[in-house]
């Protein structure tokens, strides 16, 4: 049961970063720094709760606010900024989901597969979580949940890509 909660926690953090890329990173990083709910100490992901990373995120947040105020709401969709913030969001989603799994779920994989290459399990899990987080709203909308888009836009300002 703990593994299910850990997977859901990692997926929830990754989905939150996909919707709003800065606030969840700052929130989870601050909570992890205070050892409240999540803690990355003792893992390879301990840097996720360090002040230096959180300062870089604050600088990126300030840059995005500056660009939107200066050039309008579409400023972040222009090529260099879209790539920068897109890569940032994907990397942070993967790192924070991996950090949660490393803190809580790693023992299960080590016990079950002592000689198997652990990183491959991790990579597979993270790819699945990111695909689910990216495609779930559009999938639900295509399959009869018409009000999903309106609820997400109203609640979070989220607008899924149009399905082909």
C-alpha atoms as a PDB file:
ATOM      1  CA  UNK A   1       0.000   0.000   0.000  1.00  0.00           C
ATOM      2  CA  UNK A   2       2.880   2.360   0.740  1.00  0.00           C
ATOM      3  CA  UNK A   3       4.204   1.856  -2.781  1.00  0.00           C
ATOM      4  CA  UNK A   4       0.832   2.913  -4.219  1.00  0.00           C
ATOM      5  CA  UNK A   5       0.878   6.087  -2.128  1.00  0.00           C
ATOM      6  CA  UNK A   6       4.455   6.802  -3.181  1.00  0.00           C
ATOM      7  CA  UNK A   7       3.589   6.348  -6.843  1.00  0.00           C
ATOM      8  CA  UNK A   8       0.557   8.598  -6.486  1.00  0.00           C
ATOM      9  CA  UNK A   9       2.600  11.196  -4.607  1.00  0.00           C
ATOM     10  CA  UNK A  10       5.234  11.229  -7.374  1.00  0.00           C
ATOM     11  CA  UNK A  11       2.550  11.396 -10.058  1.00  0.00           C
ATOM     12  CA  UNK A  12       0.744  14.176  -8.224  1.00  0.00           C
ATOM     13  CA  UNK A  13       3.886  16.269  -7.884  1.00  0.00           C
ATOM     14  CA  UNK A  14       4.750  15.672 -11.547  1.00  0.00           C
ATOM     15  CA  UNK A  15       1.230  16.625 -12.634  1.00  0.00           C
ATOM     16  CA  UNK A  16       1.311  19.745 -10.467  1.00  0.00           C
ATOM     17  CA  UNK A  17       4.602  20.819 -12.037  1.00  0.00           C
ATOM     18  CA  UNK A  18       3.067  20.221 -15.458  1.00  0.00           C
ATOM     19  CA  UNK A  19       0.168  22.547 -14.701  1.00  0.00           C
ATOM     20  CA  UNK A  20       2.095  25.252 -12.820  1.00  0.00           C
ATOM     21  CA  UNK A  21       5.847  24.729 -13.186  1.00  0.00           C
ATOM     22  CA  UNK A  22       7.119  26.950 -10.369  1.00  0.00           C
ATOM     23  CA  UNK A  23       4.829  26.766  -7.341  1.00  0.00           C
ATOM     24  CA  UNK A  24       4.925  22.968  -6.829  1.00  0.00           C
ATOM     25  CA  UNK A  25       8.731  22.937  -7.121  1.00  0.00           C
ATOM     26  CA  UNK A  26       9.056  25.691  -4.535  1.00  0.00           C
ATOM     27  CA  UNK A  27       6.437  24.143  -2.263  1.00  0.00           C
ATOM     28  CA  UNK A  28       7.813  20.589  -2.333  1.00  0.00           C
ATOM     29  CA  UNK A  29      11.390  21.877  -2.071  1.00  0.00           C
ATOM     30  CA  UNK A  30      10.517  23.979   0.980  1.00  0.00           C
ATOM     31  CA  UNK A  31       8.576  21.134   2.596  1.00  0.00           C
ATOM     32  CA  UNK A  32      11.452  18.738   1.934  1.00  0.00           C
ATOM     33  CA  UNK A  33      13.947  21.217   3.391  1.00  0.00           C
ATOM     34  CA  UNK A  34      11.869  21.275   6.570  1.00  0.00           C
ATOM     35  CA  UNK A  35      11.348  17.479   6.474  1.00  0.00           C
ATOM     36  CA  UNK A  36       7.577  17.949   6.334  1.00  0.00           C
ATOM     37  CA  UNK A  37       5.850  15.179   4.398  1.00  0.00           C
ATOM     38  CA  UNK A  38       8.739  14.504   2.045  1.00  0.00           C
ATOM     39  CA  UNK A  39      12.469  14.393   2.617  1.00  0.00           C
ATOM     40  CA  UNK A  40      15.175  13.843   0.024  1.00  0.00           C
ATOM     41  CA  UNK A  41      18.056  13.621   2.533  1.00  0.00           C
ATOM     42  CA  UNK A  42      20.053  10.442   2.165  1.00  0.00           C
ATOM     43  CA  UNK A  43      19.216  10.030  -1.519  1.00  0.00           C
ATOM     44  CA  UNK A  44      20.889  11.123  -4.727  1.00  0.00           C
ATOM     45  CA  UNK A  45      18.144  13.751  -4.994  1.00  0.00           C
ATOM     46  CA  UNK A  46      19.069  15.712  -1.861  1.00  0.00           C
ATOM     47  CA  UNK A  47      19.860  18.728  -4.059  1.00  0.00           C
ATOM     48  CA  UNK A  48      16.113  19.141  -4.716  1.00  0.00           C
ATOM     49  CA  UNK A  49      15.661  20.643  -1.260  1.00  0.00           C
ATOM     50  CA  UNK A  50      18.754  22.854  -1.318  1.00  0.00           C
ATOM     51  CA  UNK A  51      18.395  26.631  -1.233  1.00  0.00           C
ATOM     52  CA  UNK A  52      20.513  27.031  -4.381  1.00  0.00           C
ATOM     53  CA  UNK A  53      18.063  25.085  -6.557  1.00  0.00           C
ATOM     54  CA  UNK A  54      15.095  26.895  -5.052  1.00  0.00           C
ATOM     55  CA  UNK A  55      16.836  30.226  -5.748  1.00  0.00           C
ATOM     56  CA  UNK A  56      17.275  29.229  -9.409  1.00  0.00           C
ATOM     57  CA  UNK A  57      13.557  28.406  -9.565  1.00  0.00           C
ATOM     58  CA  UNK A  58      12.701  31.811  -8.066  1.00  0.00           C
ATOM     59  CA  UNK A  59      14.903  33.482 -10.717  1.00  0.00           C
ATOM     60  CA  UNK A  60      13.108  31.539 -13.487  1.00  0.00           C
ATOM     61  CA  UNK A  61       9.762  32.517 -11.962  1.00  0.00           C
ATOM     62  CA  UNK A  62      10.804  36.174 -11.920  1.00  0.00           C
ATOM     63  CA  UNK A  63      11.987  35.884 -15.540  1.00  0.00           C
ATOM     64  CA  UNK A  64       8.661  34.416 -16.634  1.00  0.00           C
ATOM     65  CA  UNK A  65       6.713  37.149 -14.802  1.00  0.00           C
ATOM     66  CA  UNK A  66       8.927  39.808 -16.372  1.00  0.00           C
ATOM     67  CA  UNK A  67       8.430  38.367 -19.873  1.00  0.00           C
ATOM     68  CA  UNK A  68       4.654  38.156 -19.500  1.00  0.00           C
ATOM     69  CA  UNK A  69       4.401  41.695 -18.100  1.00  0.00           C
ATOM     70  CA  UNK A  70       6.741  43.136 -20.735  1.00  0.00           C
ATOM     71  CA  UNK A  71       5.612  41.293 -23.872  1.00  0.00           C
ATOM     72  CA  UNK A  72       2.146  39.998 -23.069  1.00  0.00           C
ATOM     73  CA  UNK A  73       0.639  36.585 -22.267  1.00  0.00           C
ATOM     74  CA  UNK A  74       2.001  34.920 -25.413  1.00  0.00           C
ATOM     75  CA  UNK A  75       5.616  35.800 -24.615  1.00  0.00           C
ATOM     76  CA  UNK A  76       6.364  32.382 -23.129  1.00  0.00           C
ATOM     77  CA  UNK A  77       5.241  30.650 -26.320  1.00  0.00           C
ATOM     78  CA  UNK A  78       8.000  32.257 -28.409  1.00  0.00           C
ATOM     79  CA  UNK A  79      10.851  29.914 -29.357  1.00  0.00           C
ATOM     80  CA  UNK A  80      13.735  30.461 -26.961  1.00  0.00           C
ATOM     81  CA  UNK A  81      11.478  30.898 -23.927  1.00  0.00           C
ATOM     82  CA  UNK A  82       9.128  28.068 -24.828  1.00  0.00           C
ATOM     83  CA  UNK A  83      12.059  25.665 -25.071  1.00  0.00           C
ATOM     84  CA  UNK A  84      13.651  26.925 -21.860  1.00  0.00           C
ATOM     85  CA  UNK A  85      10.524  26.643 -19.742  1.00  0.00           C
ATOM     86  CA  UNK A  86       9.399  23.428 -21.453  1.00  0.00           C
ATOM     87  CA  UNK A  87      12.686  21.684 -20.727  1.00  0.00           C
ATOM     88  CA  UNK A  88      12.649  23.062 -17.190  1.00  0.00           C
ATOM     89  CA  UNK A  89       9.143  21.676 -16.557  1.00  0.00           C
ATOM     90  CA  UNK A  90       9.938  18.215 -17.937  1.00  0.00           C
ATOM     91  CA  UNK A  91      13.218  17.947 -16.031  1.00  0.00           C
ATOM     92  CA  UNK A  92      11.651  19.085 -12.758  1.00  0.00           C
ATOM     93  CA  UNK A  93       8.759  16.642 -13.164  1.00  0.00           C
ATOM     94  CA  UNK A  94      11.140  13.754 -13.648  1.00  0.00           C
ATOM     95  CA  UNK A  95      13.488  14.794 -10.844  1.00  0.00           C
ATOM     96  CA  UNK A  96      10.814  15.344  -8.208  1.00  0.00           C
ATOM     97  CA  UNK A  97       8.933  12.133  -9.059  1.00  0.00           C
ATOM     98  CA  UNK A  98      12.241  10.248  -8.971  1.00  0.00           C
ATOM     99  CA  UNK A  99      13.138  11.897  -5.675  1.00  0.00           C
ATOM    100  CA  UNK A 100       9.917  10.737  -4.059  1.00  0.00           C
ATOM    101  CA  UNK A 101      10.453   7.214  -5.344  1.00  0.00           C
ATOM    102  CA  UNK A 102      14.091   7.202  -4.237  1.00  0.00           C
ATOM    103  CA  UNK A 103      13.111   8.264  -0.749  1.00  0.00           C
ATOM    104  CA  UNK A 104      10.257   5.828  -0.246  1.00  0.00           C
ATOM    105  CA  UNK A 105      10.067   3.219  -2.974  1.00  0.00           C
ATOM    106  CA  UNK A 106      13.648   2.242  -3.718  1.00  0.00           C
ATOM    107  CA  UNK A 107      13.820  -0.528  -1.115  1.00  0.00           C
ATOM    108  CA  UNK A 108      11.148  -2.526  -2.915  1.00  0.00           C
ATOM    109  CA  UNK A 109      13.064  -2.547  -6.197  1.00  0.00           C
ATOM    110  CA  UNK A 110      16.394  -3.310  -4.558  1.00  0.00           C
ATOM    111  CA  UNK A 111      14.914  -6.238  -2.649  1.00  0.00           C
ATOM    112  CA  UNK A 112      13.141  -7.702  -5.679  1.00  0.00           C
ATOM    113  CA  UNK A 113      15.862  -7.102  -8.268  1.00  0.00           C
ATOM    114  CA  UNK A 114      19.197  -6.991  -6.512  1.00  0.00           C
ATOM    115  CA  UNK A 115      21.233  -7.498  -9.682  1.00  0.00           C
ATOM    116  CA  UNK A 116      18.999  -5.724 -12.171  1.00  0.00           C
ATOM    117  CA  UNK A 117      19.939  -2.273 -13.381  1.00  0.00           C
ATOM    118  CA  UNK A 118      17.857  -0.075 -11.068  1.00  0.00           C
ATOM    119  CA  UNK A 119      17.919   3.003 -13.296  1.00  0.00           C
ATOM    120  CA  UNK A 120      15.930   1.224 -15.993  1.00  0.00           C
ATOM    121  CA  UNK A 121      13.078   0.564 -13.566  1.00  0.00           C
ATOM    122  CA  UNK A 122      13.136   4.171 -12.560  1.00  0.00           C
ATOM    123  CA  UNK A 123      13.225   5.494 -16.110  1.00  0.00           C
ATOM    124  CA  UNK A 124      10.325   3.280 -17.153  1.00  0.00           C
ATOM    125  CA  UNK A 125       8.247   4.392 -14.193  1.00  0.00           C
ATOM    126  CA  UNK A 126       8.959   8.062 -14.785  1.00  0.00           C
ATOM    127  CA  UNK A 127       8.177   7.883 -18.493  1.00  0.00           C
ATOM    128  CA  UNK A 128       4.837   6.245 -17.702  1.00  0.00           C
ATOM    129  CA  UNK A 129       4.032   8.904 -15.070  1.00  0.00           C
ATOM    130  CA  UNK A 130       4.890  11.774 -17.398  1.00  0.00           C
ATOM    131  CA  UNK A 131       2.858  10.288 -20.266  1.00  0.00           C
ATOM    132  CA  UNK A 132      -0.143   9.840 -17.984  1.00  0.00           C
ATOM    133  CA  UNK A 133       0.161  13.367 -16.585  1.00  0.00           C
ATOM    134  CA  UNK A 134       0.446  14.877 -20.071  1.00  0.00           C
ATOM    135  CA  UNK A 135      -2.303  12.920 -21.781  1.00  0.00           C
ATOM    136  CA  UNK A 136      -4.953  12.239 -19.133  1.00  0.00           C
ATOM    137  CA  UNK A 137      -6.973  15.494 -19.457  1.00  0.00           C
ATOM    138  CA  UNK A 138      -7.175  15.267 -23.265  1.00  0.00           C
ATOM    139  CA  UNK A 139      -8.021  11.543 -23.075  1.00  0.00           C
ATOM    140  CA  UNK A 140     -10.827  12.179 -20.599  1.00  0.00           C
ATOM    141  CA  UNK A 141     -12.185  14.982 -22.739  1.00  0.00           C
ATOM    142  CA  UNK A 142     -12.187  12.829 -25.890  1.00  0.00           C
ATOM    143  CA  UNK A 143     -14.012  10.018 -24.107  1.00  0.00           C
ATOM    144  CA  UNK A 144     -17.073  11.783 -22.806  1.00  0.00           C
ATOM    145  CA  UNK A 145     -15.813  13.988 -20.028  1.00  0.00           C
ATOM    146  CA  UNK A 146     -16.616  17.262 -21.806  1.00  0.00           C
ATOM    147  CA  UNK A 147     -16.575  19.345 -18.658  1.00  0.00           C
ATOM    148  CA  UNK A 148     -12.999  18.354 -17.796  1.00  0.00           C
ATOM    149  CA  UNK A 149     -11.493  21.086 -19.978  1.00  0.00           C
ATOM    150  CA  UNK A 150     -13.721  23.805 -18.603  1.00  0.00           C
ATOM    151  CA  UNK A 151     -13.039  22.739 -15.014  1.00  0.00           C
ATOM    152  CA  UNK A 152      -9.265  22.643 -15.572  1.00  0.00           C
ATOM    153  CA  UNK A 153      -9.278  26.021 -17.323  1.00  0.00           C
ATOM    154  CA  UNK A 154     -11.423  27.552 -14.612  1.00  0.00           C
ATOM    155  CA  UNK A 155      -9.407  26.079 -11.736  1.00  0.00           C
ATOM    156  CA  UNK A 156      -5.849  26.171 -13.007  1.00  0.00           C
ATOM    157  CA  UNK A 157      -5.758  28.105 -16.256  1.00  0.00           C
ATOM    158  CA  UNK A 158      -4.894  24.815 -18.006  1.00  0.00           C
ATOM    159  CA  UNK A 159      -5.747  24.356 -21.660  1.00  0.00           C
ATOM    160  CA  UNK A 160      -5.012  20.892 -23.131  1.00  0.00           C
ATOM    161  CA  UNK A 161      -3.685  20.592 -26.664  1.00  0.00           C
ATOM    162  CA  UNK A 162      -6.309  19.962 -29.294  1.00  0.00           C
ATOM    163  CA  UNK A 163      -6.655  16.318 -30.214  1.00  0.00           C
ATOM    164  CA  UNK A 164      -6.135  15.299 -33.810  1.00  0.00           C
END
